[in-house]
Amino acid sequence: MKKAAKNLIFSFCLVLFGQAAFCYTLTGQELTRIINQNISNEIKSFVTKYSDDYKITVSGIPKVIIQTDEVVCPKIEILSQNSKFQPNLYKRVIIKDSKGNIIKAFSVIVQTLIYKNVLVASNIIPYNTEINSENTVLEKREISRYLGKTLSDNSTGFVSARNYSKGSIILADSVKQKALVLKDSCVDIIFLSSKGLKITLQGKALKEGAMGDTILVRSNKYNKIYNATVSSSNEVTVRI
């Protein structure tokens, strides 16, 4: 009787051992590593266009051990509700077996911080004030909310398109090129023909303009109005 009981226990252990030999155990540590690596690779390909100094933090990964009846690691899908980059976003993690059955699903929060040396107002900068080294400084700032909008040079010939408080990041969409021609100022109107003929007349600017802008000017000699392109300081060009 005792021998039969021992054989039964031995057989049961063999069954358990056999089952364990043909299943996969995904530890919480391995799950965290896979999720972090996949998310980091995805975000890295985007943020490195703006800076090599960044930090990605993934939170909300459960501390679980997932065991399957298959020998391969279950499939881990990481889905986003929004395809656009956001500093803080939710991602859905779905773990499936080889047949597509969902084993576990949960959400994680991904925070991305991006750092770069950018132009910052060192003093109050009123509207329409020239941006230069006297009122700006380069500082390392977190710029994840301003990707593609920051400046890294204080000698760009821009003026402010809004009021800036001290310490504010200078944004490209809140500055404009410094005007080379002011409204009502005297200008040289250069008439250029396709054959290289060049005639210069004195005139008056009816609107201010930066390099490349098209403005209206009036010639003093003929009192005629022309569409002209700002080509230099107090100089415009008219193609004839």
C-alpha atoms as a PDB file:
ATOM      1  CA  MET A   1       0.000   0.000   0.000  1.00  0.00           C
ATOM      2  CA  LYS A   2       2.803   2.370   0.953  1.00  0.00           C
ATOM      3  CA  LYS A   3       4.642   1.488  -2.224  1.00  0.00           C
ATOM      4  CA  ALA A   4       1.558   2.277  -4.335  1.00  0.00           C
ATOM      5  CA  ALA A   5       1.165   5.628  -2.601  1.00  0.00           C
ATOM      6  CA  LYS A   6       4.802   6.459  -3.270  1.00  0.00           C
ATOM      7  CA  ASN A   7       4.409   5.556  -6.934  1.00  0.00           C
ATOM      8  CA  LEU A   8       1.300   7.754  -7.174  1.00  0.00           C
ATOM      9  CA  ILE A   9       3.127  10.721  -5.647  1.00  0.00           C
ATOM     10  CA  PHE A  10       6.108  10.117  -7.932  1.00  0.00           C
ATOM     11  CA  SER A  11       3.855  10.015 -11.000  1.00  0.00           C
ATOM     12  CA  PHE A  12       2.094  13.203  -9.929  1.00  0.00           C
ATOM     13  CA  CYS A  13       5.461  14.967  -9.543  1.00  0.00           C
ATOM     14  CA  LEU A  14       6.463  13.788 -13.015  1.00  0.00           C
ATOM     15  CA  VAL A  15       3.276  15.281 -14.459  1.00  0.00           C
ATOM     16  CA  LEU A  16       3.870  18.588 -12.724  1.00  0.00           C
ATOM     17  CA  PHE A  17       7.492  18.616 -13.817  1.00  0.00           C
ATOM     18  CA  GLY A  18       6.485  17.836 -17.378  1.00  0.00           C
ATOM     19  CA  GLN A  19       3.974  20.647 -17.449  1.00  0.00           C
ATOM     20  CA  ALA A  20       6.491  23.120 -16.016  1.00  0.00           C
ATOM     21  CA  ALA A  21       9.037  22.095 -18.620  1.00  0.00           C
ATOM     22  CA  PHE A  22       6.695  23.100 -21.417  1.00  0.00           C
ATOM     23  CA  CYS A  23       5.496  26.493 -20.131  1.00  0.00           C
ATOM     24  CA  TYR A  24       6.995  29.988 -20.159  1.00  0.00           C
ATOM     25  CA  THR A  25       7.333  32.170 -17.074  1.00  0.00           C
ATOM     26  CA  LEU A  26       7.490  35.914 -17.666  1.00  0.00           C
ATOM     27  CA  THR A  27       8.801  37.588 -14.540  1.00  0.00           C
ATOM     28  CA  GLY A  28       7.889  41.114 -13.511  1.00  0.00           C
ATOM     29  CA  GLN A  29      11.501  42.181 -14.002  1.00  0.00           C
ATOM     30  CA  GLU A  30      11.607  40.845 -17.568  1.00  0.00           C
ATOM     31  CA  LEU A  31       8.208  42.389 -18.366  1.00  0.00           C
ATOM     32  CA  THR A  32       9.419  45.787 -17.115  1.00  0.00           C
ATOM     33  CA  ARG A  33      12.620  45.499 -19.176  1.00  0.00           C
ATOM     34  CA  ILE A  34      10.746  44.651 -22.384  1.00  0.00           C
ATOM     35  CA  ILE A  35       8.194  47.447 -21.986  1.00  0.00           C
ATOM     36  CA  ASN A  36      10.832  50.054 -21.120  1.00  0.00           C
ATOM     37  CA  GLN A  37      13.052  49.030 -24.019  1.00  0.00           C
ATOM     38  CA  ASN A  38      10.255  49.062 -26.607  1.00  0.00           C
ATOM     39  CA  ILE A  39       8.881  52.422 -25.490  1.00  0.00           C
ATOM     40  CA  SER A  40      12.353  53.975 -25.254  1.00  0.00           C
ATOM     41  CA  ASN A  41      13.258  52.818 -28.773  1.00  0.00           C
ATOM     42  CA  GLU A  42      10.025  54.267 -30.158  1.00  0.00           C
ATOM     43  CA  ILE A  43      10.384  57.671 -28.475  1.00  0.00           C
ATOM     44  CA  LYS A  44      14.155  57.891 -29.029  1.00  0.00           C
ATOM     45  CA  SER A  45      13.721  57.824 -32.811  1.00  0.00           C
ATOM     46  CA  PHE A  46      11.629  60.982 -32.511  1.00  0.00           C
ATOM     47  CA  VAL A  47      13.242  63.079 -29.762  1.00  0.00           C
ATOM     48  CA  THR A  48      16.829  62.753 -31.023  1.00  0.00           C
ATOM     49  CA  LYS A  49      15.844  65.063 -33.903  1.00  0.00           C
ATOM     50  CA  TYR A  50      15.694  67.811 -31.278  1.00  0.00           C
ATOM     51  CA  SER A  51      18.167  66.803 -28.568  1.00  0.00           C
ATOM     52  CA  ASP A  52      20.338  63.943 -27.337  1.00  0.00           C
ATOM     53  CA  ASP A  53      19.642  64.911 -23.715  1.00  0.00           C
ATOM     54  CA  TYR A  54      16.354  63.349 -22.614  1.00  0.00           C
ATOM     55  CA  LYS A  55      14.781  61.148 -19.948  1.00  0.00           C
ATOM     56  CA  ILE A  56      11.951  58.641 -20.445  1.00  0.00           C
ATOM     57  CA  THR A  57      10.045  57.308 -17.431  1.00  0.00           C
ATOM     58  CA  VAL A  58       7.432  54.544 -17.613  1.00  0.00           C
ATOM     59  CA  SER A  59       5.189  54.046 -14.579  1.00  0.00           C
ATOM     60  CA  GLY A  60       2.258  51.783 -13.821  1.00  0.00           C
ATOM     61  CA  ILE A  61       3.804  48.440 -14.826  1.00  0.00           C
ATOM     62  CA  PRO A  62       2.304  45.824 -12.463  1.00  0.00           C
ATOM     63  CA  LYS A  63       4.595  43.561 -10.465  1.00  0.00           C
ATOM     64  CA  VAL A  64       3.248  40.253 -11.727  1.00  0.00           C
ATOM     65  CA  ILE A  65       4.511  36.862 -12.824  1.00  0.00           C
ATOM     66  CA  ILE A  66       2.835  35.595 -15.996  1.00  0.00           C
ATOM     67  CA  GLN A  67       2.976  31.889 -16.737  1.00  0.00           C
ATOM     68  CA  THR A  68       1.729  30.337 -19.950  1.00  0.00           C
ATOM     69  CA  ASP A  69       1.331  26.769 -21.171  1.00  0.00           C
ATOM     70  CA  GLU A  70       3.599  27.562 -24.134  1.00  0.00           C
ATOM     71  CA  VAL A  71       7.375  27.458 -24.406  1.00  0.00           C
ATOM     72  CA  VAL A  72       7.705  30.864 -26.095  1.00  0.00           C
ATOM     73  CA  CYS A  73       7.453  34.296 -24.529  1.00  0.00           C
ATOM     74  CA  PRO A  74       3.944  35.742 -24.924  1.00  0.00           C
ATOM     75  CA  LYS A  75       3.460  38.592 -27.396  1.00  0.00           C
ATOM     76  CA  ILE A  76       3.554  42.068 -25.834  1.00  0.00           C
ATOM     77  CA  GLU A  77       1.732  44.819 -27.735  1.00  0.00           C
ATOM     78  CA  ILE A  78       2.089  48.482 -26.738  1.00  0.00           C
ATOM     79  CA  LEU A  79      -0.609  50.722 -28.177  1.00  0.00           C
ATOM     80  CA  SER A  80      -1.064  54.518 -28.097  1.00  0.00           C
ATOM     81  CA  GLN A  81      -4.335  56.401 -28.339  1.00  0.00           C
ATOM     82  CA  ASN A  82      -2.534  59.319 -29.987  1.00  0.00           C
ATOM     83  CA  SER A  83       0.085  58.940 -32.704  1.00  0.00           C
ATOM     84  CA  LYS A  84       1.481  62.432 -32.033  1.00  0.00           C
ATOM     85  CA  PHE A  85       4.241  63.019 -29.495  1.00  0.00           C
ATOM     86  CA  GLN A  86       3.146  64.237 -26.079  1.00  0.00           C
ATOM     87  CA  PRO A  87       5.334  64.790 -22.981  1.00  0.00           C
ATOM     88  CA  ASN A  88       2.839  62.788 -20.916  1.00  0.00           C
ATOM     89  CA  LEU A  89       0.720  60.051 -22.437  1.00  0.00           C
ATOM     90  CA  TYR A  90      -1.016  56.771 -21.706  1.00  0.00           C
ATOM     91  CA  LYS A  91      -0.131  53.558 -23.490  1.00  0.00           C
ATOM     92  CA  ARG A  92      -2.084  50.318 -23.427  1.00  0.00           C
ATOM     93  CA  VAL A  93      -0.087  47.120 -22.904  1.00  0.00           C
ATOM     94  CA  ILE A  94      -1.701  43.879 -24.072  1.00  0.00           C
ATOM     95  CA  ILE A  95      -0.082  40.493 -23.470  1.00  0.00           C
ATOM     96  CA  LYS A  96      -1.262  37.675 -25.753  1.00  0.00           C
ATOM     97  CA  ASP A  97      -0.451  34.023 -26.296  1.00  0.00           C
ATOM     98  CA  SER A  98       0.485  32.594 -29.697  1.00  0.00           C
ATOM     99  CA  LYS A  99      -3.203  32.091 -30.548  1.00  0.00           C
ATOM    100  CA  GLY A 100      -4.019  35.756 -29.942  1.00  0.00           C
ATOM    101  CA  ASN A 101      -5.799  35.196 -26.637  1.00  0.00           C
ATOM    102  CA  ILE A 102      -5.368  38.045 -24.177  1.00  0.00           C
ATOM    103  CA  ILE A 103      -3.534  36.972 -21.043  1.00  0.00           C
ATOM    104  CA  LYS A 104      -3.337  40.371 -19.384  1.00  0.00           C
ATOM    105  CA  ALA A 105      -3.934  44.033 -20.283  1.00  0.00           C
ATOM    106  CA  PHE A 106      -3.087  47.237 -18.430  1.00  0.00           C
ATOM    107  CA  SER A 107      -2.201  50.895 -18.982  1.00  0.00           C
ATOM    108  CA  VAL A 108       1.104  52.658 -18.320  1.00  0.00           C
ATOM    109  CA  ILE A 109       2.023  56.336 -18.132  1.00  0.00           C
ATOM    110  CA  VAL A 110       4.995  57.546 -20.177  1.00  0.00           C
ATOM    111  CA  GLN A 111       6.708  60.831 -19.298  1.00  0.00           C
ATOM    112  CA  THR A 112       9.367  62.279 -21.601  1.00  0.00           C
ATOM    113  CA  LEU A 113      11.622  65.137 -20.543  1.00  0.00           C
ATOM    114  CA  ILE A 114      13.843  66.765 -23.193  1.00  0.00           C
ATOM    115  CA  TYR A 115      16.660  69.173 -22.356  1.00  0.00           C
ATOM    116  CA  LYS A 116      18.473  71.625 -24.611  1.00  0.00           C
ATOM    117  CA  ASN A 117      20.390  74.926 -24.486  1.00  0.00           C
ATOM    118  CA  VAL A 118      17.879  77.489 -25.715  1.00  0.00           C
ATOM    119  CA  LEU A 119      17.452  81.247 -25.843  1.00  0.00           C
ATOM    120  CA  VAL A 120      15.890  82.710 -22.687  1.00  0.00           C
ATOM    121  CA  ALA A 121      14.950  86.299 -21.836  1.00  0.00           C
ATOM    122  CA  SER A 122      17.504  87.632 -19.331  1.00  0.00           C
ATOM    123  CA  ASN A 123      15.405  90.772 -18.846  1.00  0.00           C
ATOM    124  CA  ILE A 124      11.871  91.928 -19.654  1.00  0.00           C
ATOM    125  CA  ILE A 125      11.559  92.203 -23.444  1.00  0.00           C
ATOM    126  CA  PRO A 126       8.709  94.452 -24.629  1.00  0.00           C
ATOM    127  CA  TYR A 127       6.874  93.902 -27.901  1.00  0.00           C
ATOM    128  CA  ASN A 128       8.798  94.838 -31.077  1.00  0.00           C
ATOM    129  CA  THR A 129      12.158  94.926 -29.285  1.00  0.00           C
ATOM    130  CA  GLU A 130      15.269  93.542 -30.952  1.00  0.00           C
ATOM    131  CA  ILE A 131      16.391  90.142 -29.673  1.00  0.00           C
ATOM    132  CA  ASN A 132      20.114  90.312 -28.918  1.00  0.00           C
ATOM    133  CA  SER A 133      22.833  89.309 -26.451  1.00  0.00           C
ATOM    134  CA  GLU A 134      21.910  92.172 -24.109  1.00  0.00           C
ATOM    135  CA  ASN A 135      18.429  90.871 -23.304  1.00  0.00           C
ATOM    136  CA  THR A 136      18.818  87.099 -23.831  1.00  0.00           C
ATOM    137  CA  VAL A 137      21.027  84.264 -22.637  1.00  0.00           C
ATOM    138  CA  LEU A 138      21.466  80.580 -23.524  1.00  0.00           C
ATOM    139  CA  GLU A 139      20.258  78.263 -20.768  1.00  0.00           C
ATOM    140  CA  LYS A 140      19.615  74.538 -20.472  1.00  0.00           C
ATOM    141  CA  ARG A 141      15.851  74.091 -20.249  1.00  0.00           C
ATOM    142  CA  GLU A 142      13.247  71.326 -20.479  1.00  0.00           C
ATOM    143  CA  ILE A 143      11.611  71.843 -23.892  1.00  0.00           C
ATOM    144  CA  SER A 144       9.252  68.897 -24.454  1.00  0.00           C
ATOM    145  CA  ARG A 145       6.301  71.321 -24.854  1.00  0.00           C
ATOM    146  CA  TYR A 146       8.187  73.491 -27.364  1.00  0.00           C
ATOM    147  CA  LEU A 147       9.715  71.055 -29.837  1.00  0.00           C
ATOM    148  CA  GLY A 148      10.745  72.817 -33.044  1.00  0.00           C
ATOM    149  CA  LYS A 149       9.857  76.231 -31.605  1.00  0.00           C
ATOM    150  CA  THR A 150      12.980  77.189 -29.629  1.00  0.00           C
ATOM    151  CA  LEU A 151      15.967  79.278 -30.715  1.00  0.00           C
ATOM    152  CA  SER A 152      19.638  78.654 -29.980  1.00  0.00           C
ATOM    153  CA  ASP A 153      21.176  81.864 -31.331  1.00  0.00           C
ATOM    154  CA  ASN A 154      20.801  85.439 -30.072  1.00  0.00           C
ATOM    155  CA  SER A 155      22.232  87.091 -33.193  1.00  0.00           C
ATOM    156  CA  THR A 156      19.490  86.159 -35.620  1.00  0.00           C
ATOM    157  CA  GLY A 157      18.180  89.675 -36.400  1.00  0.00           C
ATOM    158  CA  PHE A 158      14.752  89.093 -34.854  1.00  0.00           C
ATOM    159  CA  VAL A 159      12.453  91.328 -32.841  1.00  0.00           C
ATOM    160  CA  SER A 160       9.874  90.186 -30.319  1.00  0.00           C
ATOM    161  CA  ALA A 161       6.318  89.634 -31.531  1.00  0.00           C
ATOM    162  CA  ARG A 162       4.977  89.717 -27.957  1.00  0.00           C
ATOM    163  CA  ASN A 163       6.014  90.790 -24.474  1.00  0.00           C
ATOM    164  CA  TYR A 164       8.487  88.441 -22.753  1.00  0.00           C
ATOM    165  CA  SER A 165       8.937  88.236 -18.996  1.00  0.00           C
ATOM    166  CA  LYS A 166      12.343  87.565 -17.499  1.00  0.00           C
ATOM    167  CA  GLY A 167      13.211  83.863 -17.723  1.00  0.00           C
ATOM    168  CA  SER A 168      10.781  83.087 -20.544  1.00  0.00           C
ATOM    169  CA  ILE A 169      11.912  80.806 -23.369  1.00  0.00           C
ATOM    170  CA  ILE A 170      12.093  82.712 -26.665  1.00  0.00           C
ATOM    171  CA  LEU A 171       9.874  80.924 -29.180  1.00  0.00           C
ATOM    172  CA  ALA A 172      10.263  81.025 -32.950  1.00  0.00           C
ATOM    173  CA  ASP A 173       6.559  81.675 -33.509  1.00  0.00           C
ATOM    174  CA  SER A 174       6.671  84.688 -31.156  1.00  0.00           C
ATOM    175  CA  VAL A 175       9.445  86.589 -32.918  1.00  0.00           C
ATOM    176  CA  LYS A 176       9.659  88.215 -36.326  1.00  0.00           C
ATOM    177  CA  GLN A 177      12.492  89.341 -38.548  1.00  0.00           C
ATOM    178  CA  LYS A 178      13.801  92.800 -37.862  1.00  0.00           C
ATOM    179  CA  ALA A 179      12.407  95.293 -40.368  1.00  0.00           C
ATOM    180  CA  LEU A 180      14.996  96.573 -42.843  1.00  0.00           C
ATOM    181  CA  VAL A 181      12.554  99.137 -44.199  1.00  0.00           C
ATOM    182  CA  LEU A 182      10.285 101.212 -41.974  1.00  0.00           C
ATOM    183  CA  LYS A 183       6.945 102.680 -42.969  1.00  0.00           C
ATOM    184  CA  ASP A 184       7.202 106.216 -44.445  1.00  0.00           C
ATOM    185  CA  SER A 185      11.013 105.930 -44.690  1.00  0.00           C
ATOM    186  CA  CYS A 186      13.031 106.923 -47.761  1.00  0.00           C
ATOM    187  CA  VAL A 187      14.141 103.967 -49.875  1.00  0.00           C
ATOM    188  CA  ASP A 188      16.125 103.240 -52.991  1.00  0.00           C
ATOM    189  CA  ILE A 189      13.855 101.598 -55.551  1.00  0.00           C
ATOM    190  CA  ILE A 190      15.950  99.440 -57.859  1.00  0.00           C
ATOM    191  CA  PHE A 191      14.251  98.460 -61.128  1.00  0.00           C
ATOM    192  CA  LEU A 192      15.761  95.310 -62.651  1.00  0.00           C
ATOM    193  CA  SER A 193      14.925  93.986 -66.110  1.00  0.00           C
ATOM    194  CA  SER A 194      15.355  90.414 -67.329  1.00  0.00           C
ATOM    195  CA  LYS A 195      18.117  91.682 -69.632  1.00  0.00           C
ATOM    196  CA  GLY A 196      20.145  93.127 -66.766  1.00  0.00           C
ATOM    197  CA  LEU A 197      19.031  96.770 -67.073  1.00  0.00           C
ATOM    198  CA  LYS A 198      19.181  98.500 -63.693  1.00  0.00           C
ATOM    199  CA  ILE A 199      17.591 101.848 -62.777  1.00  0.00           C
ATOM    200  CA  THR A 200      17.518 103.361 -59.297  1.00  0.00           C
ATOM    201  CA  LEU A 201      14.930 105.897 -58.138  1.00  0.00           C
ATOM    202  CA  GLN A 202      14.252 107.482 -54.789  1.00  0.00           C
ATOM    203  CA  GLY A 203      10.938 106.674 -53.157  1.00  0.00           C
ATOM    204  CA  LYS A 204       8.933 106.221 -50.000  1.00  0.00           C
ATOM    205  CA  ALA A 205       7.953 102.990 -48.249  1.00  0.00           C
ATOM    206  CA  LEU A 206       4.208 102.717 -47.612  1.00  0.00           C
ATOM    207  CA  LYS A 207       4.708  99.751 -45.290  1.00  0.00           C
ATOM    208  CA  GLU A 208       7.509  98.275 -43.192  1.00  0.00           C
ATOM    209  CA  GLY A 209       9.155  95.041 -44.254  1.00  0.00           C
ATOM    210  CA  ALA A 210      11.875  92.536 -43.435  1.00  0.00           C
ATOM    211  CA  MET A 211      14.237  90.821 -45.860  1.00  0.00           C
ATOM    212  CA  GLY A 212      12.250  89.178 -48.672  1.00  0.00           C
ATOM    213  CA  ASP A 213       8.930  90.817 -47.787  1.00  0.00           C
ATOM    214  CA  THR A 214       6.828  92.370 -50.551  1.00  0.00           C
ATOM    215  CA  ILE A 215       5.726  95.919 -49.726  1.00  0.00           C
ATOM    216  CA  LEU A 216       4.221  98.920 -51.506  1.00  0.00           C
ATOM    217  CA  VAL A 217       6.500 101.843 -52.377  1.00  0.00           C
ATOM    218  CA  ARG A 218       5.899 105.126 -54.153  1.00  0.00           C
ATOM    219  CA  SER A 219       8.479 106.738 -56.451  1.00  0.00           C
ATOM    220  CA  ASN A 220       9.168 110.438 -55.810  1.00  0.00           C
ATOM    221  CA  LYS A 221       9.783 111.241 -59.462  1.00  0.00           C
ATOM    222  CA  TYR A 222       6.716 109.634 -61.023  1.00  0.00           C
ATOM    223  CA  ASN A 223       4.440 109.425 -57.962  1.00  0.00           C
ATOM    224  CA  LYS A 224       3.601 105.859 -58.960  1.00  0.00           C
ATOM    225  CA  ILE A 225       3.079 102.940 -56.571  1.00  0.00           C
ATOM    226  CA  TYR A 226       4.935  99.641 -57.085  1.00  0.00           C
ATOM    227  CA  ASN A 227       5.051  96.208 -55.462  1.00  0.00           C
ATOM    228  CA  ALA A 228       8.659  95.818 -54.362  1.00  0.00           C
ATOM    229  CA  THR A 229      10.722  93.202 -52.554  1.00  0.00           C
ATOM    230  CA  VAL A 230      12.875  94.246 -49.593  1.00  0.00           C
ATOM    231  CA  SER A 231      16.444  93.404 -50.623  1.00  0.00           C
ATOM    232  CA  SER A 232      18.544  95.309 -48.085  1.00  0.00           C
ATOM    233  CA  SER A 233      18.407  98.061 -45.494  1.00  0.00           C
ATOM    234  CA  ASN A 234      16.281 100.885 -47.006  1.00  0.00           C
ATOM    235  CA  GLU A 235      16.472  99.213 -50.407  1.00  0.00           C
ATOM    236  CA  VAL A 236      13.766  97.463 -52.438  1.00  0.00           C
ATOM    237  CA  THR A 237      13.730  95.763 -55.823  1.00  0.00           C
ATOM    238  CA  VAL A 238      11.115  95.899 -58.585  1.00  0.00           C
ATOM    239  CA  ARG A 239      11.300  93.375 -61.425  1.00  0.00           C
ATOM    240  CA  ILE A 240      10.383  94.809 -64.822  1.00  0.00           C
END
